[in-house]
Amino acid sequence: MKTPVRTALAISASLFLLSIASMLIQSVRAQTPTSTTTIDARRSFYLTKASFKGGGALTACTTGYHMASICEIKETTFLKYHNRLGRNSGDSNLGGGPPGLGLDEKAIGWVRFGTKGVNNCRNWTSSNQDQKGSWAALTLSGDNQPVWYINFNISCNGAPLSVGVWCVQD
């Protein structure tokens, strides 16, 4: 006689606990927002709005960014251009992309190459007109594909161009 009573009590207790668990789950679901937010996880990059001499390139980027190596920004498909921080030229401000090298020099920026022997304004410490640095700009190739145009022979004082600095998110 004791066994059927114990079994009935065990079943009743189990049902009671399942009911409580079900109510708790429904309560949590009701509190969980149903909308989802898409987050763009790509690193951002930009070309400084201000111009810099070669000796000022390493400190030109805003907090959270650093002077880019060409290897960090070469594949722009995996990056997003930060229009608010960066230069805009032509129609680049309409679609959120970087400025392209065209009839003006607004798309030119100092860039690191990370190799020995490449002109780098004495490791980006010199703005001497006799020293040489390297800059890069996005342009279109012959088949209208975006490519980097690179120049290794510009005076570290930047003259006569308006040379920005390519920056990439840390």
N, C-alpha and C. Protein backbone atom coordinates (compact mmCIF):
# COMPACT_ATOMS: atom_id res chain seq x y z
N MET A 1 0.80 -1.18 0.00
CA MET A 1 0.00 0.00 0.00
C MET A 1 0.86 1.26 0.00
N LYS A 2 1.97 1.16 0.67
CA LYS A 2 2.82 2.32 0.74
C LYS A 2 3.44 2.63 -0.62
N THR A 3 3.73 1.64 -1.42
CA THR A 3 4.39 1.85 -2.70
C THR A 3 3.52 2.64 -3.67
N PRO A 4 2.21 2.33 -3.84
CA PRO A 4 1.41 3.14 -4.75
C PRO A 4 1.28 4.59 -4.28
N VAL A 5 1.23 4.83 -2.99
CA VAL A 5 1.13 6.20 -2.49
C VAL A 5 2.42 6.96 -2.77
N ARG A 6 3.54 6.30 -2.53
CA ARG A 6 4.83 6.93 -2.83
C ARG A 6 4.95 7.22 -4.32
N THR A 7 4.55 6.31 -5.14
CA THR A 7 4.63 6.50 -6.59
C THR A 7 3.76 7.69 -7.00
N ALA A 8 2.56 7.76 -6.47
CA ALA A 8 1.64 8.85 -6.80
C ALA A 8 2.22 10.19 -6.34
N LEU A 9 2.81 10.22 -5.14
CA LEU A 9 3.43 11.45 -4.66
C LEU A 9 4.64 11.85 -5.52
N ALA A 10 5.44 10.90 -5.92
CA ALA A 10 6.60 11.17 -6.77
C ALA A 10 6.16 11.72 -8.11
N ILE A 11 5.11 11.14 -8.69
CA ILE A 11 4.60 11.61 -9.98
C ILE A 11 4.03 13.01 -9.82
N SER A 12 3.28 13.27 -8.77
CA SER A 12 2.69 14.60 -8.53
C SER A 12 3.79 15.65 -8.35
N ALA A 13 4.82 15.32 -7.58
CA ALA A 13 5.92 16.24 -7.36
C ALA A 13 6.66 16.54 -8.67
N SER A 14 6.87 15.52 -9.47
CA SER A 14 7.54 15.69 -10.77
C SER A 14 6.73 16.59 -11.68
N LEU A 15 5.42 16.37 -11.75
CA LEU A 15 4.56 17.21 -12.59
C LEU A 15 4.57 18.65 -12.10
N PHE A 16 4.56 18.84 -10.79
CA PHE A 16 4.60 20.17 -10.22
C PHE A 16 5.90 20.89 -10.60
N LEU A 17 7.03 20.21 -10.48
CA LEU A 17 8.32 20.79 -10.83
C LEU A 17 8.41 21.11 -12.33
N LEU A 18 7.86 20.23 -13.17
CA LEU A 18 7.85 20.49 -14.62
C LEU A 18 7.00 21.71 -14.95
N SER A 19 5.88 21.86 -14.24
CA SER A 19 5.02 23.03 -14.46
C SER A 19 5.75 24.31 -14.09
N ILE A 20 6.44 24.32 -12.97
CA ILE A 20 7.20 25.50 -12.54
C ILE A 20 8.29 25.82 -13.57
N ALA A 21 9.02 24.79 -14.01
CA ALA A 21 10.09 24.99 -15.00
C ALA A 21 9.53 25.57 -16.29
N SER A 22 8.39 25.07 -16.72
CA SER A 22 7.75 25.56 -17.94
C SER A 22 7.38 27.04 -17.81
N MET A 23 6.84 27.43 -16.66
CA MET A 23 6.48 28.83 -16.44
C MET A 23 7.71 29.73 -16.44
N LEU A 24 8.80 29.26 -15.85
CA LEU A 24 10.04 30.04 -15.83
C LEU A 24 10.59 30.24 -17.24
N ILE A 25 10.56 29.19 -18.04
CA ILE A 25 11.07 29.29 -19.42
C ILE A 25 10.22 30.27 -20.22
N GLN A 26 8.90 30.20 -20.07
CA GLN A 26 8.02 31.12 -20.79
C GLN A 26 8.27 32.56 -20.35
N SER A 27 8.55 32.76 -19.07
CA SER A 27 8.82 34.09 -18.56
C SER A 27 10.11 34.65 -19.17
N VAL A 28 11.13 33.83 -19.28
CA VAL A 28 12.40 34.26 -19.89
C VAL A 28 12.20 34.57 -21.36
N ARG A 29 11.44 33.75 -22.07
CA ARG A 29 11.17 34.00 -23.49
C ARG A 29 10.44 35.31 -23.68
N ALA A 30 9.52 35.63 -22.80
CA ALA A 30 8.76 36.87 -22.91
C ALA A 30 9.67 38.08 -22.72
N GLN A 31 10.75 37.94 -21.94
CA GLN A 31 11.65 39.05 -21.68
C GLN A 31 12.73 39.19 -22.74
N THR A 32 12.95 38.16 -23.56
CA THR A 32 13.99 38.18 -24.58
C THR A 32 13.50 38.96 -25.80
N PRO A 33 14.26 39.96 -26.26
CA PRO A 33 13.82 40.71 -27.45
C PRO A 33 13.79 39.80 -28.67
N THR A 34 12.82 40.06 -29.52
CA THR A 34 12.67 39.23 -30.71
C THR A 34 13.42 39.79 -31.91
N SER A 35 13.77 41.08 -31.87
CA SER A 35 14.49 41.65 -33.01
C SER A 35 15.97 41.31 -32.90
N THR A 36 16.61 41.19 -34.04
CA THR A 36 18.05 40.92 -34.08
C THR A 36 18.75 42.11 -34.71
N THR A 37 19.92 42.39 -34.22
CA THR A 37 20.73 43.49 -34.74
C THR A 37 21.93 42.90 -35.45
N THR A 38 22.17 43.36 -36.67
CA THR A 38 23.33 42.90 -37.41
C THR A 38 24.52 43.79 -37.07
N ILE A 39 25.61 43.18 -36.69
CA ILE A 39 26.82 43.91 -36.35
C ILE A 39 27.86 43.64 -37.42
N ASP A 40 28.44 44.71 -37.95
CA ASP A 40 29.49 44.59 -38.96
C ASP A 40 30.82 44.42 -38.23
N ALA A 41 31.36 43.22 -38.28
CA ALA A 41 32.58 42.90 -37.53
C ALA A 41 33.86 43.21 -38.30
N ARG A 42 33.73 43.74 -39.50
CA ARG A 42 34.95 44.05 -40.25
C ARG A 42 35.73 45.18 -39.59
N ARG A 43 37.05 45.12 -39.68
CA ARG A 43 37.89 46.21 -39.18
C ARG A 43 37.66 47.42 -40.08
N SER A 44 37.75 48.60 -39.50
CA SER A 44 37.60 49.78 -40.33
C SER A 44 38.96 50.42 -40.59
N PHE A 45 38.99 51.19 -41.66
CA PHE A 45 40.20 51.91 -42.02
C PHE A 45 39.78 53.26 -42.58
N TYR A 46 40.72 54.19 -42.62
CA TYR A 46 40.41 55.50 -43.18
C TYR A 46 41.70 56.20 -43.58
N LEU A 47 41.54 57.23 -44.36
CA LEU A 47 42.64 58.12 -44.76
C LEU A 47 42.42 59.43 -44.03
N THR A 48 43.40 59.85 -43.23
CA THR A 48 43.22 61.06 -42.41
C THR A 48 42.79 62.25 -43.26
N LYS A 49 41.94 63.08 -42.68
CA LYS A 49 41.50 64.29 -43.36
C LYS A 49 42.63 65.31 -43.43
N ALA A 50 43.43 65.36 -42.38
CA ALA A 50 44.56 66.29 -42.34
C ALA A 50 45.75 65.73 -43.11
N SER A 51 46.61 66.61 -43.55
CA SER A 51 47.85 66.21 -44.22
C SER A 51 48.96 66.15 -43.18
N PHE A 52 49.93 65.28 -43.41
CA PHE A 52 51.04 65.11 -42.48
C PHE A 52 52.34 64.98 -43.25
N LYS A 53 53.41 65.42 -42.63
CA LYS A 53 54.75 65.14 -43.15
C LYS A 53 55.12 63.73 -42.69
N GLY A 54 56.10 63.13 -43.32
CA GLY A 54 56.47 61.76 -43.00
C GLY A 54 56.79 61.53 -41.54
N GLY A 55 57.44 62.50 -40.89
CA GLY A 55 57.80 62.36 -39.49
C GLY A 55 56.62 62.36 -38.54
N GLY A 56 55.44 62.75 -38.99
CA GLY A 56 54.25 62.77 -38.15
C GLY A 56 53.29 61.64 -38.44
N ALA A 57 53.65 60.74 -39.34
CA ALA A 57 52.72 59.71 -39.78
C ALA A 57 52.35 58.70 -38.69
N LEU A 58 53.30 58.32 -37.85
CA LEU A 58 53.02 57.30 -36.83
C LEU A 58 52.03 57.77 -35.76
N THR A 59 51.90 59.06 -35.57
CA THR A 59 51.00 59.58 -34.53
C THR A 59 49.76 60.25 -35.12
N ALA A 60 49.51 60.08 -36.39
CA ALA A 60 48.41 60.76 -37.06
C ALA A 60 47.03 60.14 -36.82
N CYS A 61 46.98 58.87 -36.52
CA CYS A 61 45.70 58.17 -36.41
C CYS A 61 45.06 58.41 -35.05
N THR A 62 43.73 58.39 -35.04
CA THR A 62 42.98 58.60 -33.80
C THR A 62 43.13 57.37 -32.89
N THR A 63 42.77 57.52 -31.63
CA THR A 63 42.84 56.44 -30.65
C THR A 63 42.05 55.23 -31.16
N GLY A 64 42.67 54.05 -31.04
CA GLY A 64 42.03 52.82 -31.50
C GLY A 64 42.43 52.44 -32.91
N TYR A 65 43.25 53.28 -33.54
CA TYR A 65 43.74 53.03 -34.90
C TYR A 65 45.25 53.24 -34.92
N HIS A 66 45.91 52.68 -35.92
CA HIS A 66 47.34 52.89 -36.09
C HIS A 66 47.66 53.03 -37.57
N MET A 67 48.84 53.59 -37.85
CA MET A 67 49.28 53.73 -39.23
C MET A 67 49.33 52.35 -39.86
N ALA A 68 48.66 52.21 -40.99
CA ALA A 68 48.50 50.90 -41.61
C ALA A 68 49.72 50.46 -42.40
N SER A 69 49.93 49.17 -42.37
CA SER A 69 50.84 48.53 -43.30
C SER A 69 50.02 48.21 -44.54
N ILE A 70 50.62 48.24 -45.70
CA ILE A 70 49.88 47.93 -46.92
C ILE A 70 49.27 46.53 -46.83
N CYS A 71 49.92 45.63 -46.12
CA CYS A 71 49.39 44.26 -45.99
C CYS A 71 48.10 44.22 -45.17
N GLU A 72 47.91 45.20 -44.28
CA GLU A 72 46.69 45.23 -43.47
C GLU A 72 45.49 45.76 -44.24
N ILE A 73 45.72 46.61 -45.24
CA ILE A 73 44.60 47.24 -45.94
C ILE A 73 44.51 46.86 -47.42
N LYS A 74 45.41 45.99 -47.86
CA LYS A 74 45.45 45.63 -49.28
C LYS A 74 44.10 45.07 -49.77
N GLU A 75 43.51 44.18 -49.02
CA GLU A 75 42.24 43.57 -49.41
C GLU A 75 41.09 44.36 -48.79
N THR A 76 40.64 45.40 -49.47
CA THR A 76 39.62 46.28 -48.92
C THR A 76 38.26 45.60 -48.79
N THR A 77 38.05 44.49 -49.46
CA THR A 77 36.79 43.76 -49.36
C THR A 77 36.51 43.34 -47.92
N PHE A 78 37.56 43.07 -47.16
CA PHE A 78 37.41 42.59 -45.79
C PHE A 78 37.40 43.73 -44.78
N LEU A 79 37.38 44.95 -45.25
CA LEU A 79 37.41 46.13 -44.39
C LEU A 79 36.20 47.01 -44.68
N LYS A 80 35.95 47.95 -43.80
CA LYS A 80 34.93 48.97 -44.07
C LYS A 80 35.60 50.34 -43.90
N TYR A 81 35.27 51.24 -44.79
CA TYR A 81 35.86 52.57 -44.75
C TYR A 81 35.08 53.43 -43.76
N HIS A 82 35.80 54.13 -42.88
CA HIS A 82 35.18 54.97 -41.86
C HIS A 82 35.05 56.39 -42.42
N ASN A 83 33.89 56.68 -43.02
CA ASN A 83 33.66 57.96 -43.68
C ASN A 83 33.71 59.16 -42.74
N ARG A 84 33.31 58.98 -41.49
CA ARG A 84 33.29 60.10 -40.56
C ARG A 84 34.71 60.53 -40.19
N LEU A 85 35.62 59.57 -40.02
CA LEU A 85 37.00 59.90 -39.67
C LEU A 85 37.84 60.24 -40.89
N GLY A 86 37.50 59.65 -42.03
CA GLY A 86 38.37 59.76 -43.20
C GLY A 86 37.97 60.79 -44.23
N ARG A 87 38.88 60.99 -45.15
CA ARG A 87 38.66 61.90 -46.28
C ARG A 87 37.58 61.35 -47.20
N ASN A 88 36.88 62.26 -47.80
CA ASN A 88 35.90 61.91 -48.83
C ASN A 88 36.20 62.77 -50.03
N SER A 89 36.16 62.18 -51.19
CA SER A 89 36.47 62.91 -52.40
C SER A 89 35.57 62.41 -53.51
N GLY A 90 35.15 63.31 -54.37
CA GLY A 90 34.27 62.89 -55.46
C GLY A 90 32.98 62.30 -54.89
N ASP A 91 32.63 61.11 -55.32
CA ASP A 91 31.40 60.49 -54.82
C ASP A 91 31.66 59.46 -53.73
N SER A 92 32.86 59.46 -53.13
CA SER A 92 33.17 58.46 -52.10
C SER A 92 32.30 58.62 -50.87
N ASN A 93 31.77 59.82 -50.63
CA ASN A 93 30.92 60.01 -49.46
C ASN A 93 29.50 59.49 -49.67
N LEU A 94 29.14 59.12 -50.88
CA LEU A 94 27.78 58.64 -51.14
C LEU A 94 27.59 57.18 -50.77
N GLY A 95 28.61 56.37 -50.98
CA GLY A 95 28.45 54.95 -50.72
C GLY A 95 29.29 54.40 -49.59
N GLY A 96 30.00 55.25 -48.90
CA GLY A 96 30.77 54.79 -47.76
C GLY A 96 32.14 54.25 -48.10
N GLY A 97 32.64 54.47 -49.28
CA GLY A 97 33.94 53.94 -49.65
C GLY A 97 35.04 54.99 -49.57
N PRO A 98 36.28 54.55 -49.70
CA PRO A 98 37.40 55.48 -49.65
C PRO A 98 37.51 56.30 -50.92
N PRO A 99 38.22 57.42 -50.85
CA PRO A 99 38.45 58.20 -52.06
C PRO A 99 39.39 57.47 -53.00
N GLY A 100 39.21 57.69 -54.27
CA GLY A 100 40.08 57.06 -55.28
C GLY A 100 40.98 58.09 -55.92
N LEU A 101 42.12 57.63 -56.39
CA LEU A 101 43.08 58.51 -57.04
C LEU A 101 42.51 58.93 -58.38
N GLY A 102 42.33 60.22 -58.54
CA GLY A 102 41.77 60.76 -59.77
C GLY A 102 42.57 61.94 -60.22
N LEU A 103 41.88 63.03 -60.48
CA LEU A 103 42.55 64.23 -60.97
C LEU A 103 43.18 65.05 -59.85
N ASP A 104 42.88 64.72 -58.59
CA ASP A 104 43.53 65.42 -57.49
C ASP A 104 44.27 64.41 -56.62
N GLU A 105 44.97 64.92 -55.61
CA GLU A 105 45.78 64.01 -54.79
C GLU A 105 45.11 63.69 -53.46
N LYS A 106 43.81 63.88 -53.31
CA LYS A 106 43.14 63.68 -52.02
C LYS A 106 43.11 62.23 -51.57
N ALA A 107 43.47 61.31 -52.41
CA ALA A 107 43.42 59.89 -52.05
C ALA A 107 44.79 59.35 -51.65
N ILE A 108 45.78 60.21 -51.53
CA ILE A 108 47.15 59.78 -51.25
C ILE A 108 47.40 59.75 -49.75
N GLY A 109 48.01 58.65 -49.27
CA GLY A 109 48.33 58.55 -47.85
C GLY A 109 49.62 57.78 -47.61
N TRP A 110 50.37 58.22 -46.59
CA TRP A 110 51.55 57.48 -46.17
C TRP A 110 51.13 56.09 -45.75
N VAL A 111 51.95 55.10 -46.04
CA VAL A 111 51.64 53.72 -45.67
C VAL A 111 52.94 52.98 -45.36
N ARG A 112 52.89 52.10 -44.38
CA ARG A 112 54.07 51.31 -44.02
C ARG A 112 54.16 50.09 -44.94
N PHE A 113 55.39 49.61 -45.14
CA PHE A 113 55.59 48.41 -45.94
C PHE A 113 56.24 47.28 -45.16
N GLY A 114 56.83 47.61 -44.02
CA GLY A 114 57.39 46.57 -43.15
C GLY A 114 58.56 45.82 -43.73
N THR A 115 59.24 46.41 -44.69
CA THR A 115 60.41 45.75 -45.27
C THR A 115 61.61 46.68 -45.20
N LYS A 116 62.76 46.09 -45.09
CA LYS A 116 64.00 46.85 -45.05
C LYS A 116 64.32 47.35 -46.46
N GLY A 117 64.82 48.55 -46.52
CA GLY A 117 65.23 49.08 -47.82
C GLY A 117 64.15 49.87 -48.53
N VAL A 118 62.90 49.77 -48.07
CA VAL A 118 61.84 50.57 -48.69
C VAL A 118 61.86 51.95 -48.04
N ASN A 119 61.71 52.97 -48.84
CA ASN A 119 61.73 54.34 -48.30
C ASN A 119 60.64 54.51 -47.25
N ASN A 120 61.04 54.90 -46.04
CA ASN A 120 60.08 55.04 -44.95
C ASN A 120 60.37 56.24 -44.06
N CYS A 121 60.90 57.30 -44.64
CA CYS A 121 61.19 58.53 -43.88
C CYS A 121 61.93 58.23 -42.58
N ARG A 122 62.97 57.40 -42.71
CA ARG A 122 63.78 57.00 -41.55
C ARG A 122 62.89 56.46 -40.42
N ASN A 123 62.15 55.42 -40.76
CA ASN A 123 61.20 54.79 -39.82
C ASN A 123 60.16 55.79 -39.31
N TRP A 124 59.72 56.65 -40.21
CA TRP A 124 58.66 57.62 -39.95
C TRP A 124 59.01 58.59 -38.84
N THR A 125 60.31 58.95 -38.77
CA THR A 125 60.75 59.94 -37.79
C THR A 125 61.26 61.21 -38.47
N SER A 126 61.39 61.20 -39.80
CA SER A 126 61.97 62.34 -40.52
C SER A 126 60.95 62.99 -41.44
N SER A 127 60.98 64.32 -41.44
CA SER A 127 60.19 65.09 -42.40
C SER A 127 61.10 65.88 -43.32
N ASN A 128 62.34 65.45 -43.42
CA ASN A 128 63.36 66.09 -44.23
C ASN A 128 63.02 65.92 -45.71
N GLN A 129 63.13 67.00 -46.45
CA GLN A 129 62.81 66.94 -47.88
C GLN A 129 63.78 66.04 -48.66
N ASP A 130 64.96 65.77 -48.10
CA ASP A 130 65.93 64.91 -48.78
C ASP A 130 65.68 63.42 -48.52
N GLN A 131 64.86 63.10 -47.53
CA GLN A 131 64.49 61.70 -47.25
C GLN A 131 63.28 61.33 -48.09
N LYS A 132 63.10 60.04 -48.32
CA LYS A 132 61.98 59.57 -49.14
C LYS A 132 61.07 58.66 -48.33
N GLY A 133 59.79 58.71 -48.66
CA GLY A 133 58.81 57.86 -48.01
C GLY A 133 57.92 57.17 -49.04
N SER A 134 57.01 56.34 -48.56
CA SER A 134 56.13 55.58 -49.45
C SER A 134 54.68 55.94 -49.17
N TRP A 135 53.92 56.12 -50.22
CA TRP A 135 52.50 56.38 -50.09
C TRP A 135 51.73 55.45 -51.01
N ALA A 136 50.44 55.34 -50.73
CA ALA A 136 49.56 54.49 -51.54
C ALA A 136 48.23 55.20 -51.75
N ALA A 137 47.57 54.84 -52.83
CA ALA A 137 46.24 55.37 -53.14
C ALA A 137 45.47 54.30 -53.90
N LEU A 138 44.18 54.26 -53.67
CA LEU A 138 43.32 53.35 -54.43
C LEU A 138 43.00 53.97 -55.77
N THR A 139 43.03 53.15 -56.79
CA THR A 139 42.67 53.60 -58.14
C THR A 139 42.06 52.42 -58.87
N LEU A 140 41.72 52.60 -60.12
CA LEU A 140 41.15 51.50 -60.92
C LEU A 140 42.19 50.97 -61.89
N SER A 141 42.20 49.66 -62.04
CA SER A 141 43.11 49.03 -63.00
C SER A 141 42.52 49.16 -64.40
N GLY A 142 43.23 48.64 -65.38
CA GLY A 142 42.76 48.68 -66.77
C GLY A 142 41.43 47.98 -66.97
N ASP A 143 41.14 46.96 -66.16
CA ASP A 143 39.85 46.26 -66.27
C ASP A 143 38.86 46.74 -65.20
N ASN A 144 39.06 47.99 -64.74
CA ASN A 144 38.16 48.65 -63.79
C ASN A 144 38.00 47.92 -62.45
N GLN A 145 39.07 47.32 -61.98
CA GLN A 145 39.09 46.70 -60.66
C GLN A 145 39.89 47.58 -59.72
N PRO A 146 39.46 47.72 -58.46
CA PRO A 146 40.23 48.55 -57.53
C PRO A 146 41.59 47.93 -57.23
N VAL A 147 42.61 48.74 -57.30
CA VAL A 147 43.98 48.31 -57.01
C VAL A 147 44.69 49.44 -56.25
N TRP A 148 45.74 49.09 -55.55
CA TRP A 148 46.55 50.08 -54.86
C TRP A 148 47.65 50.57 -55.79
N TYR A 149 47.75 51.87 -55.96
CA TYR A 149 48.86 52.49 -56.66
C TYR A 149 49.86 52.90 -55.58
N ILE A 150 51.10 52.51 -55.73
CA ILE A 150 52.10 52.72 -54.69
C ILE A 150 53.28 53.51 -55.25
N ASN A 151 53.74 54.48 -54.49
CA ASN A 151 54.90 55.28 -54.87
C ASN A 151 55.88 55.25 -53.72
N PHE A 152 57.10 54.85 -53.99
CA PHE A 152 58.14 54.73 -52.97
C PHE A 152 59.09 55.91 -52.96
N ASN A 153 58.81 56.95 -53.70
CA ASN A 153 59.81 57.98 -53.90
C ASN A 153 59.24 59.39 -53.72
N ILE A 154 58.60 59.64 -52.60
CA ILE A 154 58.07 60.97 -52.33
C ILE A 154 58.86 61.59 -51.18
N SER A 155 59.09 62.86 -51.27
CA SER A 155 59.84 63.57 -50.23
C SER A 155 59.08 63.47 -48.90
N CYS A 156 59.80 63.28 -47.82
CA CYS A 156 59.19 63.12 -46.50
C CYS A 156 58.50 64.38 -46.00
N ASN A 157 58.77 65.52 -46.64
CA ASN A 157 58.03 66.72 -46.24
C ASN A 157 56.69 66.79 -46.96
N GLY A 158 56.43 65.84 -47.86
CA GLY A 158 55.13 65.74 -48.51
C GLY A 158 54.88 66.71 -49.64
N ALA A 159 55.68 67.74 -49.74
CA ALA A 159 55.45 68.77 -50.74
C ALA A 159 55.62 68.21 -52.15
N PRO A 160 54.84 68.60 -53.08
CA PRO A 160 53.77 69.60 -53.01
C PRO A 160 52.39 68.95 -52.79
N LEU A 161 52.35 67.68 -52.40
CA LEU A 161 51.09 66.95 -52.29
C LEU A 161 50.45 67.09 -50.91
N SER A 162 49.18 66.79 -50.84
CA SER A 162 48.43 66.77 -49.58
C SER A 162 48.36 65.31 -49.12
N VAL A 163 49.41 64.88 -48.41
CA VAL A 163 49.53 63.46 -48.06
C VAL A 163 48.90 63.19 -46.70
N GLY A 164 47.90 62.34 -46.68
CA GLY A 164 47.28 61.90 -45.43
C GLY A 164 48.01 60.67 -44.93
N VAL A 165 47.41 59.96 -44.01
CA VAL A 165 47.97 58.72 -43.48
C VAL A 165 46.86 57.67 -43.51
N TRP A 166 47.15 56.49 -44.05
CA TRP A 166 46.20 55.38 -44.02
C TRP A 166 46.23 54.78 -42.62
N CYS A 167 45.07 54.74 -41.99
CA CYS A 167 44.94 54.22 -40.63
C CYS A 167 44.02 53.00 -40.62
N VAL A 168 44.31 52.04 -39.75
CA VAL A 168 43.48 50.84 -39.65
C VAL A 168 43.20 50.58 -38.17
N GLN A 169 42.05 50.01 -37.91
CA GLN A 169 41.62 49.74 -36.54
C GLN A 169 42.54 48.73 -35.88
N ASP A 170 42.86 48.97 -34.59
CA ASP A 170 43.71 48.07 -33.82
C ASP A 170 43.08 46.69 -33.70
